[in-house]
N, C-alpha and C. Protein backbone atom coordinates (compact mmCIF):
# COMPACT_ATOMS: atom_id res chain seq x y z
N GLN A 1 15.23 -7.72 -7.07
CA GLN A 1 15.28 -7.19 -8.56
C GLN A 1 13.99 -7.13 -8.88
N VAL A 2 13.19 -6.33 -7.63
CA VAL A 2 11.29 -6.02 -7.55
C VAL A 2 11.81 -4.24 -7.16
N GLN A 3 11.08 -3.87 -7.96
CA GLN A 3 10.85 -2.32 -7.76
C GLN A 3 9.58 -1.91 -7.87
N LEU A 4 9.09 -1.04 -6.55
CA LEU A 4 7.69 -0.57 -6.53
C LEU A 4 7.89 1.38 -6.59
N VAL A 5 7.04 1.41 -7.49
CA VAL A 5 6.95 3.08 -7.46
C VAL A 5 5.72 3.68 -6.75
N GLU A 6 5.58 4.41 -5.98
CA GLU A 6 4.33 4.64 -5.13
C GLU A 6 3.94 6.26 -5.68
N SER A 7 2.82 6.52 -5.53
CA SER A 7 2.29 7.81 -6.00
C SER A 7 1.02 7.55 -5.28
N GLY A 8 0.89 9.60 -5.15
CA GLY A 8 -0.72 9.74 -4.70
C GLY A 8 -0.67 10.28 -3.43
N GLY A 9 0.37 10.01 -2.51
CA GLY A 9 0.82 10.84 -1.09
C GLY A 9 0.33 12.03 -1.20
N GLY A 10 0.27 13.40 -0.29
CA GLY A 10 -0.23 14.40 -0.18
C GLY A 10 -0.69 14.66 1.36
N LEU A 11 -1.21 16.49 0.82
CA LEU A 11 -2.03 16.85 2.47
C LEU A 11 -3.44 16.89 1.87
N VAL A 12 -4.44 16.41 3.10
CA VAL A 12 -5.63 16.52 2.91
C VAL A 12 -6.24 16.97 3.95
N GLN A 13 -6.98 17.41 4.10
CA GLN A 13 -8.17 17.70 5.26
C GLN A 13 -8.91 16.98 5.42
N ALA A 14 -8.92 16.75 7.13
CA ALA A 14 -9.62 15.85 7.62
C ALA A 14 -11.55 15.41 7.12
N GLY A 15 -11.38 14.41 6.92
CA GLY A 15 -12.65 13.71 6.00
C GLY A 15 -12.53 13.89 4.51
N GLY A 16 -11.68 14.30 4.04
CA GLY A 16 -11.02 13.85 2.62
C GLY A 16 -10.50 12.53 2.08
N SER A 17 -10.17 12.61 1.38
CA SER A 17 -9.72 11.36 0.50
C SER A 17 -8.58 11.22 -0.77
N LEU A 18 -7.84 10.42 -0.21
CA LEU A 18 -6.44 10.25 -1.35
C LEU A 18 -6.56 8.77 -1.86
N ARG A 19 -6.03 8.74 -2.96
CA ARG A 19 -5.85 7.76 -3.52
C ARG A 19 -4.32 7.13 -3.96
N LEU A 20 -3.92 6.25 -3.00
CA LEU A 20 -2.22 5.65 -3.15
C LEU A 20 -2.21 4.74 -4.42
N SER A 21 -1.32 4.90 -5.14
CA SER A 21 -1.07 3.38 -6.29
C SER A 21 0.48 3.04 -5.85
N CYS A 22 0.89 1.73 -6.28
CA CYS A 22 2.03 1.27 -6.09
C CYS A 22 2.09 0.29 -7.57
N ALA A 23 2.94 0.48 -8.24
CA ALA A 23 3.13 -0.22 -9.25
C ALA A 23 4.70 -1.11 -9.35
N ALA A 24 4.36 -2.26 -9.44
CA ALA A 24 5.55 -3.50 -9.19
C ALA A 24 6.34 -3.74 -10.37
N SER A 25 7.68 -3.69 -10.54
CA SER A 25 8.17 -4.01 -11.91
C SER A 25 9.58 -4.76 -11.57
N GLY A 26 10.35 -5.56 -12.44
CA GLY A 26 11.06 -5.83 -12.51
C GLY A 26 11.27 -7.46 -12.79
N SER A 27 11.85 -8.59 -12.10
CA SER A 27 11.96 -9.97 -12.80
C SER A 27 10.89 -10.82 -12.09
N ILE A 28 9.44 -10.15 -12.25
CA ILE A 28 8.51 -10.73 -11.53
C ILE A 28 7.65 -12.13 -12.58
N LEU A 29 7.70 -12.91 -11.84
CA LEU A 29 6.67 -14.10 -12.46
C LEU A 29 5.43 -13.88 -12.01
N ILE A 30 5.54 -13.94 -10.67
CA ILE A 30 4.18 -14.23 -10.19
C ILE A 30 3.94 -13.14 -9.33
N ILE A 31 2.80 -12.57 -8.71
CA ILE A 31 2.95 -11.66 -7.67
C ILE A 31 1.92 -12.49 -6.51
N ASN A 32 2.67 -12.51 -5.70
CA ASN A 32 1.56 -13.32 -4.43
C ASN A 32 0.63 -12.53 -3.68
N ALA A 33 1.19 -11.70 -3.15
CA ALA A 33 0.57 -10.40 -2.47
C ALA A 33 0.99 -9.15 -2.30
N MET A 34 0.38 -8.34 -2.17
CA MET A 34 0.78 -6.56 -2.36
C MET A 34 0.31 -5.98 -1.06
N GLY A 35 0.34 -5.15 -0.21
CA GLY A 35 0.21 -4.44 0.48
C GLY A 35 0.74 -3.09 0.92
N TRP A 36 -0.11 -2.53 1.81
CA TRP A 36 0.40 -1.19 2.54
C TRP A 36 0.29 -1.30 3.73
N TYR A 37 1.62 -0.61 4.27
CA TYR A 37 2.06 -0.19 5.52
C TYR A 37 2.33 1.31 5.93
N ARG A 38 1.95 1.47 7.33
CA ARG A 38 2.18 3.07 7.26
C ARG A 38 3.30 3.07 8.87
N GLN A 39 4.01 4.26 8.91
CA GLN A 39 4.29 4.37 10.03
C GLN A 39 4.48 5.86 10.32
N ALA A 40 3.73 5.96 11.45
CA ALA A 40 3.79 7.45 11.75
C ALA A 40 4.77 7.86 12.95
N PRO A 41 4.91 8.94 13.06
CA PRO A 41 6.30 9.46 14.06
C PRO A 41 5.82 8.94 15.44
N GLY A 42 7.20 8.27 15.86
CA GLY A 42 6.80 7.74 17.47
C GLY A 42 6.50 6.09 17.34
N LYS A 43 5.87 5.56 16.20
CA LYS A 43 5.16 4.72 15.92
C LYS A 43 6.59 3.78 15.30
N GLN A 44 6.00 2.12 15.36
CA GLN A 44 6.34 1.22 14.89
C GLN A 44 5.54 0.79 13.18
N ARG A 45 6.15 0.99 12.32
CA ARG A 45 5.41 0.44 11.18
C ARG A 45 4.18 -0.89 11.24
N GLU A 46 3.12 -0.49 10.66
CA GLU A 46 2.15 -1.53 11.13
C GLU A 46 1.21 -1.75 9.47
N LEU A 47 0.45 -2.73 9.70
CA LEU A 47 -0.28 -3.29 8.54
C LEU A 47 -1.29 -2.29 8.06
N VAL A 48 -1.66 -2.02 7.22
CA VAL A 48 -2.77 -1.21 6.73
C VAL A 48 -3.64 -2.03 6.32
N ALA A 49 -3.48 -2.77 5.05
CA ALA A 49 -4.53 -3.85 4.28
C ALA A 49 -3.27 -4.37 3.37
N THR A 50 -3.99 -5.51 2.83
CA THR A 50 -3.21 -6.48 1.93
C THR A 50 -4.07 -7.12 1.03
N ILE A 51 -3.98 -7.40 0.11
CA ILE A 51 -4.39 -8.35 -1.07
C ILE A 51 -3.49 -9.46 -1.48
N THR A 52 -4.22 -10.55 -1.73
CA THR A 52 -3.51 -11.46 -2.17
C THR A 52 -3.97 -12.15 -3.54
N SER A 53 -2.83 -12.84 -4.43
CA SER A 53 -3.20 -12.80 -5.55
C SER A 53 -4.87 -13.62 -5.69
N ARG A 54 -5.34 -14.50 -5.00
CA ARG A 54 -6.53 -14.69 -5.14
C ARG A 54 -7.48 -13.54 -4.95
N GLY A 55 -7.22 -12.08 -4.65
CA GLY A 55 -7.97 -11.11 -4.50
C GLY A 55 -8.77 -11.23 -2.69
N SER A 56 -8.25 -11.86 -1.83
CA SER A 56 -8.55 -11.95 -0.64
C SER A 56 -7.75 -10.52 -0.03
N THR A 57 -8.48 -9.97 0.61
CA THR A 57 -8.00 -8.55 1.53
C THR A 57 -7.99 -8.84 2.64
N ASN A 58 -7.51 -8.02 3.41
CA ASN A 58 -7.22 -7.64 5.01
C ASN A 58 -6.84 -6.77 5.57
N TYR A 59 -7.60 -5.83 6.81
CA TYR A 59 -7.31 -4.69 6.69
C TYR A 59 -7.22 -4.26 8.35
N ALA A 60 -6.48 -3.30 8.67
CA ALA A 60 -6.18 -3.22 9.69
C ALA A 60 -7.66 -2.35 10.75
N ASP A 61 -7.75 -3.11 12.02
CA ASP A 61 -9.26 -2.55 12.33
C ASP A 61 -9.51 -1.12 12.70
N SER A 62 -7.92 -0.31 12.50
CA SER A 62 -8.25 1.34 12.26
C SER A 62 -8.49 1.68 11.16
N VAL A 63 -8.40 1.33 10.44
CA VAL A 63 -9.15 1.72 8.78
C VAL A 63 -10.17 1.10 8.22
N LYS A 64 -10.47 -0.19 8.55
CA LYS A 64 -11.64 -1.10 8.35
C LYS A 64 -13.02 -0.14 8.14
N GLY A 65 -13.96 -0.24 6.83
CA GLY A 65 -14.86 0.70 6.45
C GLY A 65 -14.35 2.22 5.89
N ARG A 66 -13.22 2.40 5.78
CA ARG A 66 -12.58 3.77 5.42
C ARG A 66 -11.63 3.46 4.46
N PHE A 67 -10.88 2.62 4.23
CA PHE A 67 -10.06 2.39 3.06
C PHE A 67 -9.99 1.13 2.41
N THR A 68 -9.95 1.38 1.00
CA THR A 68 -10.13 0.00 0.01
C THR A 68 -8.92 -0.24 -0.39
N ILE A 69 -8.42 -1.56 -0.32
CA ILE A 69 -7.43 -1.86 -1.15
C ILE A 69 -8.19 -2.67 -2.30
N SER A 70 -7.00 -2.24 -3.42
CA SER A 70 -7.81 -3.25 -4.75
C SER A 70 -6.48 -3.56 -5.75
N ARG A 71 -6.19 -4.02 -6.76
CA ARG A 71 -5.77 -4.23 -7.84
C ARG A 71 -5.57 -4.48 -9.10
N ASP A 72 -4.79 -4.20 -10.13
CA ASP A 72 -5.19 -3.94 -11.58
C ASP A 72 -3.60 -5.04 -12.02
N SER A 73 -4.42 -6.36 -11.88
CA SER A 73 -3.18 -7.59 -12.28
C SER A 73 -2.53 -7.18 -13.39
N ALA A 74 -3.00 -6.88 -14.49
CA ALA A 74 -2.58 -6.77 -15.66
C ALA A 74 -1.44 -5.82 -16.02
N LYS A 75 -1.46 -4.69 -14.74
CA LYS A 75 -0.36 -3.72 -14.63
C LYS A 75 0.59 -4.09 -13.16
N ASN A 76 0.35 -5.00 -12.55
CA ASN A 76 1.23 -5.31 -11.44
C ASN A 76 0.81 -4.05 -10.79
N THR A 77 -0.25 -3.42 -10.52
CA THR A 77 -0.39 -2.32 -9.47
C THR A 77 -1.64 -2.46 -8.64
N VAL A 78 -1.29 -2.06 -7.17
CA VAL A 78 -2.19 -2.25 -6.31
C VAL A 78 -1.93 -0.44 -5.63
N TYR A 79 -3.50 -0.58 -5.40
CA TYR A 79 -4.22 0.75 -5.46
C TYR A 79 -4.67 0.51 -3.66
N LEU A 80 -4.72 1.93 -3.08
CA LEU A 80 -5.52 1.87 -1.46
C LEU A 80 -5.93 3.40 -1.67
N GLN A 81 -7.72 3.51 -1.43
CA GLN A 81 -8.29 4.34 -1.48
C GLN A 81 -8.53 4.30 -0.29
N MET A 82 -8.52 6.21 0.07
CA MET A 82 -8.73 6.46 1.64
C MET A 82 -9.60 7.36 1.77
N ASP A 83 -10.67 6.66 2.29
CA ASP A 83 -11.60 8.07 2.12
C ASP A 83 -12.10 8.15 4.05
N SER A 84 -12.54 9.44 4.11
CA SER A 84 -13.05 9.64 5.59
C SER A 84 -11.67 9.50 6.40
N LEU A 85 -10.58 10.52 5.93
CA LEU A 85 -9.24 10.57 6.65
C LEU A 85 -9.53 11.44 7.64
N LYS A 86 -8.61 11.14 8.83
CA LYS A 86 -7.94 11.36 10.20
C LYS A 86 -6.98 11.86 10.42
N PRO A 87 -6.83 12.93 11.01
CA PRO A 87 -5.39 13.44 11.49
C PRO A 87 -4.72 12.11 12.06
N GLU A 88 -5.33 11.12 12.81
CA GLU A 88 -4.12 10.11 13.42
C GLU A 88 -3.97 8.89 12.21
N ASP A 89 -4.24 9.07 10.74
CA ASP A 89 -3.69 8.68 9.34
C ASP A 89 -2.51 9.08 9.10
N THR A 90 -2.14 10.45 9.57
CA THR A 90 -0.87 10.73 8.68
C THR A 90 0.14 9.86 9.49
N ALA A 91 1.00 9.41 7.94
CA ALA A 91 2.04 8.54 8.17
C ALA A 91 2.68 8.76 6.77
N VAL A 92 3.94 7.91 7.13
CA VAL A 92 4.53 7.69 5.61
C VAL A 92 4.15 6.10 5.28
N TYR A 93 3.40 6.23 4.33
CA TYR A 93 3.09 4.67 3.51
C TYR A 93 3.83 4.14 2.90
N TYR A 94 4.01 2.71 3.15
CA TYR A 94 4.92 2.04 2.16
C TYR A 94 3.84 1.23 1.53
N CYS A 95 4.26 0.72 0.37
CA CYS A 95 3.78 -0.37 -0.42
C CYS A 95 4.73 -1.43 -0.36
N ASN A 96 4.47 -3.04 -0.44
CA ASN A 96 4.91 -4.31 -0.16
C ASN A 96 4.50 -4.84 -0.82
N SER A 97 5.43 -5.86 -1.32
CA SER A 97 5.01 -6.90 -2.53
C SER A 97 5.93 -8.08 -1.76
N GLU A 98 4.90 -9.28 -2.57
CA GLU A 98 5.86 -10.51 -2.05
C GLU A 98 5.60 -11.39 -3.38
N VAL A 99 6.75 -11.59 -4.26
CA VAL A 99 6.45 -12.01 -6.08
C VAL A 99 7.33 -13.22 -5.43
N TYR A 100 7.33 -14.28 -6.60
CA TYR A 100 8.02 -15.26 -6.97
C TYR A 100 8.63 -14.78 -8.27
N THR A 101 10.10 -14.68 -8.78
CA THR A 101 10.74 -13.99 -9.45
C THR A 101 10.84 -15.18 -10.50
N ARG A 102 11.20 -14.43 -11.95
CA ARG A 102 11.35 -15.57 -13.03
C ARG A 102 12.53 -16.30 -12.59
N SER A 103 13.61 -16.44 -11.79
CA SER A 103 14.53 -17.27 -11.44
C SER A 103 13.78 -18.30 -10.45
N GLY A 104 12.97 -17.88 -9.72
CA GLY A 104 11.97 -18.90 -8.81
C GLY A 104 12.43 -18.85 -7.53
N ALA A 105 12.83 -17.67 -7.15
CA ALA A 105 13.05 -16.96 -5.91
C ALA A 105 11.82 -16.44 -5.28
N TYR A 106 11.88 -16.27 -4.06
CA TYR A 106 10.45 -15.78 -3.56
C TYR A 106 11.01 -14.17 -2.83
N THR A 107 10.44 -13.31 -2.90
CA THR A 107 11.38 -11.74 -2.10
C THR A 107 10.37 -11.20 -1.81
N SER A 108 10.18 -10.55 -0.62
CA SER A 108 9.67 -9.08 -0.29
C SER A 108 10.42 -8.12 -0.65
N ASP A 109 9.51 -6.95 -1.09
CA ASP A 109 10.52 -5.73 -1.37
C ASP A 109 9.31 -4.74 -0.52
N TRP A 110 10.11 -3.43 -0.54
CA TRP A 110 9.50 -2.36 -0.26
C TRP A 110 9.54 -0.88 -1.17
N GLY A 111 8.81 -0.05 -1.14
CA GLY A 111 8.57 0.90 -1.97
C GLY A 111 9.39 1.80 -0.97
N GLN A 112 9.55 3.32 -1.42
CA GLN A 112 10.35 4.06 -0.68
C GLN A 112 9.59 5.31 0.15
N GLY A 113 8.17 4.64 0.35
CA GLY A 113 7.25 5.08 1.45
C GLY A 113 6.67 6.95 0.39
N THR A 114 5.40 6.89 0.86
CA THR A 114 5.16 8.39 0.69
C THR A 114 4.18 8.92 1.54
N GLN A 115 4.28 10.35 1.76
CA GLN A 115 3.70 11.10 2.72
C GLN A 115 2.15 11.43 2.87
N VAL A 116 1.56 10.88 3.99
CA VAL A 116 0.05 11.32 4.02
C VAL A 116 0.14 11.99 4.92
N THR A 117 -0.29 13.41 4.82
CA THR A 117 -0.49 14.15 6.09
C THR A 117 -2.19 14.70 6.18
N VAL A 118 -2.39 14.34 7.35
CA VAL A 118 -4.10 14.82 7.48
C VAL A 118 -4.31 15.73 8.61
N SER A 119 -4.77 17.06 8.00
CA SER A 119 -4.83 18.06 8.89
C SER A 119 -6.50 18.30 9.35
N SER A 120 -6.61 18.81 10.67
CA SER A 120 -7.83 18.98 11.27
C SER A 120 -8.10 20.06 10.70
């Protein structure tokens, strides 16, 4: 009952920047947390960054200092600002949400993924 719409992926040269957006909609009462994950070819999906309802953030060591996760609570939207991109950042990036629905259920949902390609 929760939909996540992602945007902002694309092709960028090493050292460049991209900003990903993810808007959550549906029968949402409270968003407990949102985050970004990525999956590169031949690798498992991994956590990139998360942000809780309290604003606490967590980052993978590989992106710390380069990526910034933020939110716009009024729009139920989370962002991932990616700076100093490296070829190893190339992956499909997925948005995730953990929400309490209006019926009282707790659900975890995924976006469709957006491709980020960093060329050298």
